[in-house]
């Protein structure tokens, strides 16, 4: 994505607009929960921005980091295989 449309430092940009900013690993449920709890608790009268670093297609072998899957729907067979891999990774 950075090669196609570089966004620069998003934390600095949101901060410049007066937001409290948190960076988290968007694949870790504990970090997501903690970020929302902090946003509710410590808003300092400002908007809160959570920047979650993620990997497109994370946990699905044939989708992970494959740009062509961004915005593409899987067929029934691909969906079933993807769900198997995701559910297997959660256990």
PDB file of N, CA and C in Angstrom:
ATOM      1  N   UNK A   1       0.827  -1.199   0.000  1.00  0.00           N
ATOM      2  CA  UNK A   1       0.000   0.000   0.000  1.00  0.00           C
ATOM      3  C   UNK A   1       0.871   1.262   0.000  1.00  0.00           C
ATOM      4  N   UNK A   2       1.946   1.236   0.752  1.00  0.00           N
ATOM      5  CA  UNK A   2       2.822   2.412   0.825  1.00  0.00           C
ATOM      6  C   UNK A   2       3.448   2.741  -0.525  1.00  0.00           C
ATOM      7  N   UNK A   3       3.634   1.719  -1.372  1.00  0.00           N
ATOM      8  CA  UNK A   3       4.203   1.961  -2.699  1.00  0.00           C
ATOM      9  C   UNK A   3       3.206   2.676  -3.606  1.00  0.00           C
ATOM     10  N   UNK A   4       1.933   2.379  -3.433  1.00  0.00           N
ATOM     11  CA  UNK A   4       0.893   2.944  -4.290  1.00  0.00           C
ATOM     12  C   UNK A   4       0.426   4.296  -3.780  1.00  0.00           C
ATOM     13  N   UNK A   5       0.194   4.368  -2.472  1.00  0.00           N
ATOM     14  CA  UNK A   5      -0.342   5.603  -1.893  1.00  0.00           C
ATOM     15  C   UNK A   5       0.257   5.824  -0.507  1.00  0.00           C
ATOM     16  N   UNK A   6       1.459   6.378  -0.433  1.00  0.00           N
ATOM     17  CA  UNK A   6       2.089   6.591   0.870  1.00  0.00           C
ATOM     18  C   UNK A   6       1.277   7.559   1.729  1.00  0.00           C
ATOM     19  N   UNK A   7       1.043   7.153   2.968  1.00  0.00           N
ATOM     20  CA  UNK A   7       0.233   7.962   3.876  1.00  0.00           C
ATOM     21  C   UNK A   7       1.075   8.777   4.847  1.00  0.00           C
ATOM     22  N   UNK A   8       2.360   8.498   4.901  1.00  0.00           N
ATOM     23  CA  UNK A   8       3.207   9.207   5.851  1.00  0.00           C
ATOM     24  C   UNK A   8       2.947   8.715   7.264  1.00  0.00           C
ATOM     25  N   UNK A   9       3.290   9.519   8.235  1.00  0.00           N
ATOM     26  CA  UNK A   9       3.126   9.154   9.635  1.00  0.00           C
ATOM     27  C   UNK A   9       1.709   9.524  10.092  1.00  0.00           C
ATOM     28  N   UNK A  10       0.819   8.535  10.096  1.00  0.00           N
ATOM     29  CA  UNK A  10      -0.575   8.797  10.459  1.00  0.00           C
ATOM     30  C   UNK A  10      -0.726   9.249  11.908  1.00  0.00           C
ATOM     31  N   UNK A  11       0.092   8.698  12.802  1.00  0.00           N
ATOM     32  CA  UNK A  11       0.003   9.103  14.206  1.00  0.00           C
ATOM     33  C   UNK A  11       0.270  10.597  14.345  1.00  0.00           C
ATOM     34  N   UNK A  12       1.298  11.083  13.671  1.00  0.00           N
ATOM     35  CA  UNK A  12       1.607  12.521  13.716  1.00  0.00           C
ATOM     36  C   UNK A  12       0.477  13.350  13.117  1.00  0.00           C
ATOM     37  N   UNK A  13      -0.102  12.872  12.028  1.00  0.00           N
ATOM     38  CA  UNK A  13      -1.187  13.614  11.380  1.00  0.00           C
ATOM     39  C   UNK A  13      -2.410  13.720  12.284  1.00  0.00           C
ATOM     40  N   UNK A  14      -2.841  12.590  12.866  1.00  0.00           N
ATOM     41  CA  UNK A  14      -4.005  12.624  13.755  1.00  0.00           C
ATOM     42  C   UNK A  14      -3.713  13.442  15.007  1.00  0.00           C
ATOM     43  N   UNK A  15      -2.502  13.330  15.505  1.00  0.00           N
ATOM     44  CA  UNK A  15      -2.090  14.114  16.670  1.00  0.00           C
ATOM     45  C   UNK A  15      -2.151  15.610  16.363  1.00  0.00           C
ATOM     46  N   UNK A  16      -1.731  15.988  15.170  1.00  0.00           N
ATOM     47  CA  UNK A  16      -1.760  17.396  14.764  1.00  0.00           C
ATOM     48  C   UNK A  16      -3.188  17.941  14.712  1.00  0.00           C
ATOM     49  N   UNK A  17      -4.158  17.051  14.498  1.00  0.00           N
ATOM     50  CA  UNK A  17      -5.564  17.457  14.498  1.00  0.00           C
ATOM     51  C   UNK A  17      -6.183  17.379  15.891  1.00  0.00           C
ATOM     52  N   UNK A  18      -5.347  17.127  16.907  1.00  0.00           N
ATOM     53  CA  UNK A  18      -5.819  17.147  18.287  1.00  0.00           C
ATOM     54  C   UNK A  18      -6.298  15.825  18.836  1.00  0.00           C
ATOM     55  N   UNK A  19      -6.002  14.735  18.168  1.00  0.00           N
ATOM     56  CA  UNK A  19      -6.440  13.416  18.636  1.00  0.00           C
ATOM     57  C   UNK A  19      -5.424  12.795  19.589  1.00  0.00           C
ATOM     58  N   UNK A  20      -5.936  12.033  20.566  1.00  0.00           N
ATOM     59  CA  UNK A  20      -5.087  11.117  21.317  1.00  0.00           C
ATOM     60  C   UNK A  20      -4.914   9.897  20.420  1.00  0.00           C
ATOM     61  N   UNK A  21      -3.688   9.446  20.239  1.00  0.00           N
ATOM     62  CA  UNK A  21      -3.416   8.368  19.285  1.00  0.00           C
ATOM     63  C   UNK A  21      -2.788   7.179  19.994  1.00  0.00           C
ATOM     64  N   UNK A  22      -3.272   5.991  19.652  1.00  0.00           N
ATOM     65  CA  UNK A  22      -2.673   4.738  20.117  1.00  0.00           C
ATOM     66  C   UNK A  22      -2.330   3.896  18.899  1.00  0.00           C
ATOM     67  N   UNK A  23      -1.174   3.247  18.940  1.00  0.00           N
ATOM     68  CA  UNK A  23      -0.808   2.276  17.901  1.00  0.00           C
ATOM     69  C   UNK A  23      -0.899   0.889  18.526  1.00  0.00           C
ATOM     70  N   UNK A  24      -1.537  -0.030  17.809  1.00  0.00           N
ATOM     71  CA  UNK A  24      -1.686  -1.390  18.330  1.00  0.00           C
ATOM     72  C   UNK A  24      -1.454  -2.417  17.225  1.00  0.00           C
ATOM     73  N   UNK A  25      -1.274  -3.664  17.645  1.00  0.00           N
ATOM     74  CA  UNK A  25      -1.250  -4.804  16.732  1.00  0.00           C
ATOM     75  C   UNK A  25      -2.704  -5.211  16.538  1.00  0.00           C
ATOM     76  N   UNK A  26      -3.242  -4.981  15.362  1.00  0.00           N
ATOM     77  CA  UNK A  26      -4.650  -5.236  15.089  1.00  0.00           C
ATOM     78  C   UNK A  26      -5.038  -6.699  15.019  1.00  0.00           C
ATOM     79  N   UNK A  27      -4.091  -7.599  15.227  1.00  0.00           N
ATOM     80  CA  UNK A  27      -4.385  -9.029  15.250  1.00  0.00           C
ATOM     81  C   UNK A  27      -4.424  -9.560  16.679  1.00  0.00           C
ATOM     82  N   UNK A  28      -4.187  -8.704  17.649  1.00  0.00           N
ATOM     83  CA  UNK A  28      -4.175  -9.133  19.055  1.00  0.00           C
ATOM     84  C   UNK A  28      -5.405  -8.591  19.769  1.00  0.00           C
ATOM     85  N   UNK A  29      -6.290  -9.501  20.121  1.00  0.00           N
ATOM     86  CA  UNK A  29      -7.553  -9.129  20.762  1.00  0.00           C
ATOM     87  C   UNK A  29      -7.310  -8.348  22.046  1.00  0.00           C
ATOM     88  N   UNK A  30      -6.303  -8.738  22.841  1.00  0.00           N
ATOM     89  CA  UNK A  30      -6.039  -8.027  24.092  1.00  0.00           C
ATOM     90  C   UNK A  30      -5.673  -6.568  23.832  1.00  0.00           C
ATOM     91  N   UNK A  31      -4.891  -6.303  22.793  1.00  0.00           N
ATOM     92  CA  UNK A  31      -4.521  -4.919  22.476  1.00  0.00           C
ATOM     93  C   UNK A  31      -5.732  -4.124  21.985  1.00  0.00           C
ATOM     94  N   UNK A  32      -6.592  -4.765  21.218  1.00  0.00           N
ATOM     95  CA  UNK A  32      -7.803  -4.092  20.729  1.00  0.00           C
ATOM     96  C   UNK A  32      -8.702  -3.722  21.906  1.00  0.00           C
ATOM     97  N   UNK A  33      -8.942  -4.679  22.794  1.00  0.00           N
ATOM     98  CA  UNK A  33      -9.783  -4.417  23.979  1.00  0.00           C
ATOM     99  C   UNK A  33      -9.194  -3.306  24.841  1.00  0.00           C
ATOM    100  N   UNK A  34      -7.901  -3.382  25.100  1.00  0.00           N
ATOM    101  CA  UNK A  34      -7.246  -2.365  25.932  1.00  0.00           C
ATOM    102  C   UNK A  34      -7.312  -0.985  25.293  1.00  0.00           C
ATOM    103  N   UNK A  35      -7.178  -0.928  23.977  1.00  0.00           N
ATOM    104  CA  UNK A  35      -7.233   0.356  23.277  1.00  0.00           C
ATOM    105  C   UNK A  35      -8.620   0.983  23.404  1.00  0.00           C
ATOM    106  N   UNK A  36      -9.668   0.177  23.253  1.00  0.00           N
ATOM    107  CA  UNK A  36     -11.024   0.714  23.401  1.00  0.00           C
ATOM    108  C   UNK A  36     -11.300   1.133  24.840  1.00  0.00           C
ATOM    109  N   UNK A  37     -10.805   0.350  25.797  1.00  0.00           N
ATOM    110  CA  UNK A  37     -10.985   0.717  27.207  1.00  0.00           C
ATOM    111  C   UNK A  37     -10.284   2.039  27.499  1.00  0.00           C
ATOM    112  N   UNK A  38      -9.074   2.197  26.999  1.00  0.00           N
ATOM    113  CA  UNK A  38      -8.332   3.446  27.212  1.00  0.00           C
ATOM    114  C   UNK A  38      -9.031   4.615  26.532  1.00  0.00           C
ATOM    115  N   UNK A  39      -9.578   4.387  25.355  1.00  0.00           N
ATOM    116  CA  UNK A  39     -10.268   5.461  24.627  1.00  0.00           C
ATOM    117  C   UNK A  39     -11.499   5.929  25.403  1.00  0.00           C
ATOM    118  N   UNK A  40     -12.217   4.989  26.021  1.00  0.00           N
ATOM    119  CA  UNK A  40     -13.401   5.361  26.814  1.00  0.00           C
ATOM    120  C   UNK A  40     -13.001   6.075  28.103  1.00  0.00           C
ATOM    121  N   UNK A  41     -11.893   5.654  28.692  1.00  0.00           N
ATOM    122  CA  UNK A  41     -11.489   6.158  30.007  1.00  0.00           C
ATOM    123  C   UNK A  41     -10.706   7.466  29.932  1.00  0.00           C
ATOM    124  N   UNK A  42      -9.770   7.564  29.021  1.00  0.00           N
ATOM    125  CA  UNK A  42      -8.809   8.669  29.009  1.00  0.00           C
ATOM    126  C   UNK A  42      -8.930   9.525  27.756  1.00  0.00           C
ATOM    127  N   UNK A  43     -10.074  10.147  27.547  1.00  0.00           N
ATOM    128  CA  UNK A  43     -10.211  10.904  26.306  1.00  0.00           C
ATOM    129  C   UNK A  43      -9.719  12.342  26.416  1.00  0.00           C
ATOM    130  N   UNK A  44      -9.453  12.836  27.602  1.00  0.00           N
ATOM    131  CA  UNK A  44      -8.934  14.196  27.804  1.00  0.00           C
ATOM    132  C   UNK A  44      -9.729  15.242  27.024  1.00  0.00           C
ATOM    133  N   UNK A  45     -10.988  14.937  26.737  1.00  0.00           N
ATOM    134  CA  UNK A  45     -11.801  15.867  25.966  1.00  0.00           C
ATOM    135  C   UNK A  45     -11.443  15.909  24.491  1.00  0.00           C
ATOM    136  N   UNK A  46     -10.640  14.952  24.045  1.00  0.00           N
ATOM    137  CA  UNK A  46     -10.191  14.908  22.648  1.00  0.00           C
ATOM    138  C   UNK A  46     -10.755  13.659  21.969  1.00  0.00           C
ATOM    139  N   UNK A  47     -10.824  13.690  20.649  1.00  0.00           N
ATOM    140  CA  UNK A  47     -11.146  12.447  19.940  1.00  0.00           C
ATOM    141  C   UNK A  47      -9.989  11.462  20.100  1.00  0.00           C
ATOM    142  N   UNK A  48     -10.292  10.192  20.001  1.00  0.00           N
ATOM    143  CA  UNK A  48      -9.274   9.161  20.168  1.00  0.00           C
ATOM    144  C   UNK A  48      -9.120   8.391  18.863  1.00  0.00           C
ATOM    145  N   UNK A  49      -7.902   8.174  18.443  1.00  0.00           N
ATOM    146  CA  UNK A  49      -7.607   7.458  17.204  1.00  0.00           C
ATOM    147  C   UNK A  49      -6.812   6.200  17.544  1.00  0.00           C
ATOM    148  N   UNK A  50      -7.305   5.061  17.083  1.00  0.00           N
ATOM    149  CA  UNK A  50      -6.598   3.800  17.265  1.00  0.00           C
ATOM    150  C   UNK A  50      -6.068   3.369  15.903  1.00  0.00           C
ATOM    151  N   UNK A  51      -4.753   3.321  15.776  1.00  0.00           N
ATOM    152  CA  UNK A  51      -4.115   2.875  14.535  1.00  0.00           C
ATOM    153  C   UNK A  51      -3.707   1.418  14.717  1.00  0.00           C
ATOM    154  N   UNK A  52      -4.389   0.535  14.011  1.00  0.00           N
ATOM    155  CA  UNK A  52      -4.144  -0.900  14.139  1.00  0.00           C
ATOM    156  C   UNK A  52      -3.314  -1.395  12.958  1.00  0.00           C
ATOM    157  N   UNK A  53      -2.129  -1.886  13.250  1.00  0.00           N
ATOM    158  CA  UNK A  53      -1.253  -2.461  12.221  1.00  0.00           C
ATOM    159  C   UNK A  53      -1.751  -3.878  11.944  1.00  0.00           C
ATOM    160  N   UNK A  54      -2.112  -4.143  10.700  1.00  0.00           N
ATOM    161  CA  UNK A  54      -2.638  -5.453  10.331  1.00  0.00           C
ATOM    162  C   UNK A  54      -1.997  -5.949   9.041  1.00  0.00           C
ATOM    163  N   UNK A  55      -2.223  -7.218   8.773  1.00  0.00           N
ATOM    164  CA  UNK A  55      -1.771  -7.851   7.544  1.00  0.00           C
ATOM    165  C   UNK A  55      -3.016  -8.321   6.806  1.00  0.00           C
ATOM    166  N   UNK A  56      -3.174  -7.892   5.567  1.00  0.00           N
ATOM    167  CA  UNK A  56      -4.336  -8.314   4.773  1.00  0.00           C
ATOM    168  C   UNK A  56      -4.357  -9.835   4.654  1.00  0.00           C
ATOM    169  N   UNK A  57      -5.513 -10.421   4.933  1.00  0.00           N
ATOM    170  CA  UNK A  57      -5.674 -11.866   4.780  1.00  0.00           C
ATOM    171  C   UNK A  57      -4.993 -12.692   5.844  1.00  0.00           C
ATOM    172  N   UNK A  58      -4.623 -12.074   6.965  1.00  0.00           N
ATOM    173  CA  UNK A  58      -3.873 -12.755   8.031  1.00  0.00           C
ATOM    174  C   UNK A  58      -4.537 -14.073   8.421  1.00  0.00           C
ATOM    175  N   UNK A  59      -3.737 -15.130   8.443  1.00  0.00           N
ATOM    176  CA  UNK A  59      -4.216 -16.426   8.901  1.00  0.00           C
ATOM    177  C   UNK A  59      -4.771 -17.327   7.817  1.00  0.00           C
ATOM    178  N   UNK A  60      -4.839 -16.834   6.588  1.00  0.00           N
ATOM    179  CA  UNK A  60      -5.331 -17.653   5.476  1.00  0.00           C
ATOM    180  C   UNK A  60      -4.186 -17.773   4.471  1.00  0.00           C
ATOM    181  N   UNK A  61      -3.659 -18.984   4.328  1.00  0.00           N
ATOM    182  CA  UNK A  61      -2.427 -19.196   3.561  1.00  0.00           C
ATOM    183  C   UNK A  61      -2.464 -18.615   2.153  1.00  0.00           C
ATOM    184  N   UNK A  62      -3.571 -18.757   1.465  1.00  0.00           N
ATOM    185  CA  UNK A  62      -3.608 -18.301   0.072  1.00  0.00           C
ATOM    186  C   UNK A  62      -4.042 -16.842  -0.074  1.00  0.00           C
ATOM    187  N   UNK A  63      -4.383 -16.193   1.035  1.00  0.00           N
ATOM    188  CA  UNK A  63      -4.801 -14.788   0.985  1.00  0.00           C
ATOM    189  C   UNK A  63      -3.793 -13.830   1.617  1.00  0.00           C
ATOM    190  N   UNK A  64      -3.026 -14.322   2.588  1.00  0.00           N
ATOM    191  CA  UNK A  64      -2.157 -13.445   3.378  1.00  0.00           C
ATOM    192  C   UNK A  64      -1.149 -12.702   2.505  1.00  0.00           C
ATOM    193  N   UNK A  65      -1.202 -11.368   2.611  1.00  0.00           N
ATOM    194  CA  UNK A  65      -0.306 -10.465   1.877  1.00  0.00           C
ATOM    195  C   UNK A  65      -0.409 -10.580   0.353  1.00  0.00           C
ATOM    196  N   UNK A  66      -1.542 -11.053  -0.140  1.00  0.00           N
ATOM    197  CA  UNK A  66      -1.766 -11.143  -1.583  1.00  0.00           C
ATOM    198  C   UNK A  66      -2.700  -9.995  -1.966  1.00  0.00           C
ATOM    199  N   UNK A  67      -2.152  -9.008  -2.638  1.00  0.00           N
ATOM    200  CA  UNK A  67      -2.878  -7.772  -2.947  1.00  0.00           C
ATOM    201  C   UNK A  67      -4.179  -8.029  -3.700  1.00  0.00           C
ATOM    202  N   UNK A  68      -4.198  -9.006  -4.590  1.00  0.00           N
ATOM    203  CA  UNK A  68      -5.393  -9.239  -5.405  1.00  0.00           C
ATOM    204  C   UNK A  68      -6.607  -9.672  -4.583  1.00  0.00           C
ATOM    205  N   UNK A  69      -6.403 -10.101  -3.335  1.00  0.00           N
ATOM    206  CA  UNK A  69      -7.536 -10.463  -2.482  1.00  0.00           C
ATOM    207  C   UNK A  69      -8.173  -9.248  -1.826  1.00  0.00           C
ATOM    208  N   UNK A  70      -7.526  -8.121  -1.865  1.00  0.00           N
ATOM    209  CA  UNK A  70      -8.093  -6.918  -1.248  1.00  0.00           C
ATOM    210  C   UNK A  70      -9.306  -6.472  -2.060  1.00  0.00           C
ATOM    211  N   UNK A  71     -10.494  -6.626  -1.481  1.00  0.00           N
ATOM    212  CA  UNK A  71     -11.725  -6.240  -2.162  1.00  0.00           C
ATOM    213  C   UNK A  71     -12.299  -7.323  -3.059  1.00  0.00           C
ATOM    214  N   UNK A  72     -11.740  -8.534  -3.013  1.00  0.00           N
ATOM    215  CA  UNK A  72     -12.234  -9.647  -3.825  1.00  0.00           C
ATOM    216  C   UNK A  72     -12.932 -10.657  -2.929  1.00  0.00           C
ATOM    217  N   UNK A  73     -14.108 -11.097  -3.335  1.00  0.00           N
ATOM    218  CA  UNK A  73     -14.856 -12.092  -2.555  1.00  0.00           C
ATOM    219  C   UNK A  73     -14.425 -13.500  -2.968  1.00  0.00           C
ATOM    220  N   UNK A  74     -14.231 -14.385  -1.992  1.00  0.00           N
ATOM    221  CA  UNK A  74     -13.892 -15.769  -2.331  1.00  0.00           C
ATOM    222  C   UNK A  74     -15.125 -16.512  -2.848  1.00  0.00           C
ATOM    223  N   UNK A  75     -14.885 -17.548  -3.654  1.00  0.00           N
ATOM    224  CA  UNK A  75     -16.003 -18.406  -4.042  1.00  0.00           C
ATOM    225  C   UNK A  75     -16.312 -19.337  -2.869  1.00  0.00           C
ATOM    226  N   UNK A  76     -17.315 -20.181  -3.000  1.00  0.00           N
ATOM    227  CA  UNK A  76     -17.738 -21.033  -1.877  1.00  0.00           C
ATOM    228  C   UNK A  76     -16.620 -21.948  -1.384  1.00  0.00           C
ATOM    229  N   UNK A  77     -15.872 -22.535  -2.305  1.00  0.00           N
ATOM    230  CA  UNK A  77     -14.780 -23.439  -1.928  1.00  0.00           C
ATOM    231  C   UNK A  77     -13.660 -22.680  -1.205  1.00  0.00           C
ATOM    232  N   UNK A  78     -13.289 -21.530  -1.727  1.00  0.00           N
ATOM    233  CA  UNK A  78     -12.250 -20.706  -1.098  1.00  0.00           C
ATOM    234  C   UNK A  78     -12.698 -20.233   0.280  1.00  0.00           C
ATOM    235  N   UNK A  79     -13.961 -19.855   0.391  1.00  0.00           N
ATOM    236  CA  UNK A  79     -14.508 -19.408   1.677  1.00  0.00           C
ATOM    237  C   UNK A  79     -14.412 -20.528   2.712  1.00  0.00           C
ATOM    238  N   UNK A  80     -14.828 -21.740   2.326  1.00  0.00           N
ATOM    239  CA  UNK A  80     -14.788 -22.873   3.253  1.00  0.00           C
ATOM    240  C   UNK A  80     -13.360 -23.147   3.711  1.00  0.00           C
ATOM    241  N   UNK A  81     -12.411 -23.118   2.786  1.00  0.00           N
ATOM    242  CA  UNK A  81     -11.009 -23.357   3.129  1.00  0.00           C
ATOM    243  C   UNK A  81     -10.474 -22.249   4.041  1.00  0.00           C
ATOM    244  N   UNK A  82     -10.806 -21.008   3.725  1.00  0.00           N
ATOM    245  CA  UNK A  82     -10.360 -19.875   4.550  1.00  0.00           C
ATOM    246  C   UNK A  82     -10.907 -19.999   5.967  1.00  0.00           C
ATOM    247  N   UNK A  83     -12.185 -20.334   6.103  1.00  0.00           N
ATOM    248  CA  UNK A  83     -12.785 -20.465   7.435  1.00  0.00           C
ATOM    249  C   UNK A  83     -12.137 -21.599   8.219  1.00  0.00           C
ATOM    250  N   UNK A  84     -11.807 -22.689   7.541  1.00  0.00           N
ATOM    251  CA  UNK A  84     -11.108 -23.798   8.197  1.00  0.00           C
ATOM    252  C   UNK A  84      -9.775 -23.331   8.771  1.00  0.00           C
ATOM    253  N   UNK A  85      -9.022 -22.596   7.974  1.00  0.00           N
ATOM    254  CA  UNK A  85      -7.711 -22.119   8.418  1.00  0.00           C
ATOM    255  C   UNK A  85      -7.842 -21.118   9.562  1.00  0.00           C
ATOM    256  N   UNK A  86      -8.809 -20.214   9.468  1.00  0.00           N
ATOM    257  CA  UNK A  86      -9.005 -19.213  10.523  1.00  0.00           C
ATOM    258  C   UNK A  86      -9.426 -19.884  11.822  1.00  0.00           C
ATOM    259  N   UNK A  87     -10.408 -20.781  11.746  1.00  0.00           N
ATOM    260  CA  UNK A  87     -10.882 -21.468  12.951  1.00  0.00           C
ATOM    261  C   UNK A  87      -9.791 -22.338  13.550  1.00  0.00           C
ATOM    262  N   UNK A  88      -8.963 -22.949  12.718  1.00  0.00           N
ATOM    263  CA  UNK A  88      -7.850 -23.755  13.210  1.00  0.00           C
ATOM    264  C   UNK A  88      -6.812 -22.915  13.931  1.00  0.00           C
ATOM    265  N   UNK A  89      -6.631 -21.687  13.489  1.00  0.00           N
ATOM    266  CA  UNK A  89      -5.660 -20.787  14.109  1.00  0.00           C
ATOM    267  C   UNK A  89      -6.131 -20.192  15.415  1.00  0.00           C
ATOM    268  N   UNK A  90      -7.441 -20.182  15.637  1.00  0.00           N
ATOM    269  CA  UNK A  90      -8.002 -19.583  16.849  1.00  0.00           C
ATOM    270  C   UNK A  90      -7.894 -20.527  18.030  1.00  0.00           C
ATOM    271  N   UNK A  91      -7.898 -21.803  17.766  1.00  0.00           N
ATOM    272  CA  UNK A  91      -7.885 -22.802  18.850  1.00  0.00           C
ATOM    273  C   UNK A  91      -6.602 -22.846  19.586  1.00  0.00           C
TER     274      UNK A  91
END
